[in-house]
């Protein structure tokens, strides 16, 4: 069972979680981050560092975010908008792949409003 990132990350993408992930399994979409369930080792290092409390272990996802379980997996197993093929279950690490520039159709259509204030 892996961790996943909910909708509180949409338009925030703080990325603090990526700096502590020992297996580099947190990938950057256009509007939010995604944890690859096939690469996550369930260490939990990312969860306490999330400033918007968007990271959950799969079994503890609130009912209102149950959609995120399948949506998170779809980020890796379904072709994303503008891409011909899915990223795959083991795309090789987020740092090497870099920002994906696309989200799942569900996340792409979520309303905005969680943007950080400009500094």
Protein backbone atom coordinates (compact mmCIF):
# COMPACT_ATOMS: atom_id res chain seq x y z
CA UNK A 1 0.00 0.00 0.00
CA UNK A 2 1.44 3.31 -1.04
CA UNK A 3 1.06 6.93 -0.11
CA UNK A 4 -0.76 9.33 -2.41
CA UNK A 5 -1.26 13.06 -2.75
CA UNK A 6 -4.74 14.57 -2.60
CA UNK A 7 -6.27 17.71 -4.03
CA UNK A 8 -4.81 20.06 -1.41
CA UNK A 9 -1.63 19.95 -3.53
CA UNK A 10 -3.41 21.27 -6.64
CA UNK A 11 -1.82 24.56 -7.69
CA UNK A 12 0.53 24.49 -4.68
CA UNK A 13 3.18 21.85 -5.53
CA UNK A 14 5.45 22.83 -2.64
CA UNK A 15 7.92 19.99 -3.53
CA UNK A 16 9.37 19.71 0.00
CA UNK A 17 8.24 16.09 -0.06
CA UNK A 18 10.42 15.36 -3.08
CA UNK A 19 13.58 16.32 -1.21
CA UNK A 20 13.12 13.59 1.40
CA UNK A 21 11.86 10.75 -0.79
CA UNK A 22 14.60 8.09 -0.73
CA UNK A 23 13.38 6.38 -3.91
CA UNK A 24 12.50 9.45 -6.03
CA UNK A 25 8.91 8.33 -6.60
CA UNK A 26 7.12 11.72 -6.42
CA UNK A 27 6.45 12.98 -9.94
CA UNK A 28 5.41 16.48 -10.97
CA UNK A 29 2.30 16.96 -13.05
CA UNK A 30 1.15 20.31 -14.33
CA UNK A 31 -0.98 21.23 -11.29
CA UNK A 32 -0.05 18.69 -8.60
CA UNK A 33 2.41 16.02 -7.54
CA UNK A 34 1.81 12.26 -7.80
CA UNK A 35 3.38 9.36 -5.87
CA UNK A 36 4.10 6.31 -7.99
CA UNK A 37 2.48 3.38 -6.12
CA UNK A 38 4.82 0.85 -7.75
CA UNK A 39 7.95 2.72 -6.63
CA UNK A 40 6.84 3.99 -3.20
CA UNK A 41 8.39 1.98 -0.35
CA UNK A 42 5.88 3.26 2.24
CA UNK A 43 8.55 4.94 4.35
CA UNK A 44 6.30 7.92 5.16
CA UNK A 45 9.14 10.46 5.05
CA UNK A 46 7.10 12.75 2.80
CA UNK A 47 3.91 12.91 4.86
CA UNK A 48 4.96 15.10 7.83
CA UNK A 49 6.70 17.62 5.57
CA UNK A 50 3.70 18.44 3.39
CA UNK A 51 2.71 22.02 4.30
CA UNK A 52 -0.88 21.52 3.08
CA UNK A 53 -1.37 18.03 4.58
CA UNK A 54 -2.15 16.53 1.16
CA UNK A 55 -0.31 13.21 1.62
CA UNK A 56 -2.17 10.13 2.83
CA UNK A 57 -1.45 6.44 3.17
CA UNK A 58 -3.92 4.71 0.86
CA UNK A 59 -5.90 3.10 3.70
CA UNK A 60 -6.39 6.46 5.46
CA UNK A 61 -7.70 8.48 2.53
CA UNK A 62 -10.86 10.35 3.61
CA UNK A 63 -14.06 9.34 1.80
CA UNK A 64 -14.18 12.70 0.01
CA UNK A 65 -10.79 11.90 -1.58
CA UNK A 66 -11.37 8.24 -2.52
CA UNK A 67 -11.29 9.34 -6.17
CA UNK A 68 -7.59 10.13 -5.67
CA UNK A 69 -6.61 6.47 -5.24
CA UNK A 70 -7.57 5.48 -8.79
CA UNK A 71 -6.62 8.90 -10.16
CA UNK A 72 -3.10 8.64 -8.73
CA UNK A 73 -2.58 5.23 -10.34
CA UNK A 74 -4.05 6.49 -13.63
CA UNK A 75 -1.31 9.15 -13.77
CA UNK A 76 1.15 6.32 -14.37
CA UNK A 77 -0.96 3.70 -16.16
CA UNK A 78 -3.10 5.75 -18.60
CA UNK A 79 -1.91 8.09 -21.35
CA UNK A 80 -2.06 11.66 -20.08
CA UNK A 81 -3.43 14.49 -22.23
CA UNK A 82 -0.92 15.32 -24.95
CA UNK A 83 1.02 12.06 -24.48
CA UNK A 84 0.72 8.99 -26.71
CA UNK A 85 1.68 6.43 -24.07
CA UNK A 86 1.41 6.10 -20.28
CA UNK A 87 4.44 6.88 -18.10
CA UNK A 88 4.39 3.26 -16.92
CA UNK A 89 4.61 1.62 -13.53
CA UNK A 90 8.35 2.25 -13.23
CA UNK A 91 9.31 5.28 -15.34
CA UNK A 92 12.76 5.47 -13.75
CA UNK A 93 12.64 8.22 -11.16
CA UNK A 94 11.09 11.64 -11.04
CA UNK A 95 14.32 13.65 -11.14
CA UNK A 96 15.50 11.97 -14.34
CA UNK A 97 12.10 12.31 -16.00
CA UNK A 98 11.50 15.92 -14.90
CA UNK A 99 8.16 17.74 -14.86
CA UNK A 100 5.52 15.90 -16.88
CA UNK A 101 3.53 19.00 -17.85
CA UNK A 102 0.18 17.16 -17.73
CA UNK A 103 -2.29 15.89 -15.17
CA UNK A 104 -5.00 13.28 -15.15
CA UNK A 105 -8.23 14.54 -16.72
CA UNK A 106 -9.82 14.71 -13.24
CA UNK A 107 -7.10 16.94 -11.78
CA UNK A 108 -6.93 19.09 -14.91
CA UNK A 109 -10.59 20.00 -14.45
CA UNK A 110 -10.48 20.75 -10.71
CA UNK A 111 -11.18 24.38 -9.89
CA UNK A 112 -8.20 26.56 -8.99
CA UNK A 113 -7.88 28.66 -5.91
CA UNK A 114 -5.15 26.97 -3.90
CA UNK A 115 -2.36 29.01 -5.43
CA UNK A 116 0.32 30.37 -3.16
CA UNK A 117 0.41 34.15 -2.80
CA UNK A 118 3.06 35.88 -4.89
CA UNK A 119 6.12 36.97 -2.96
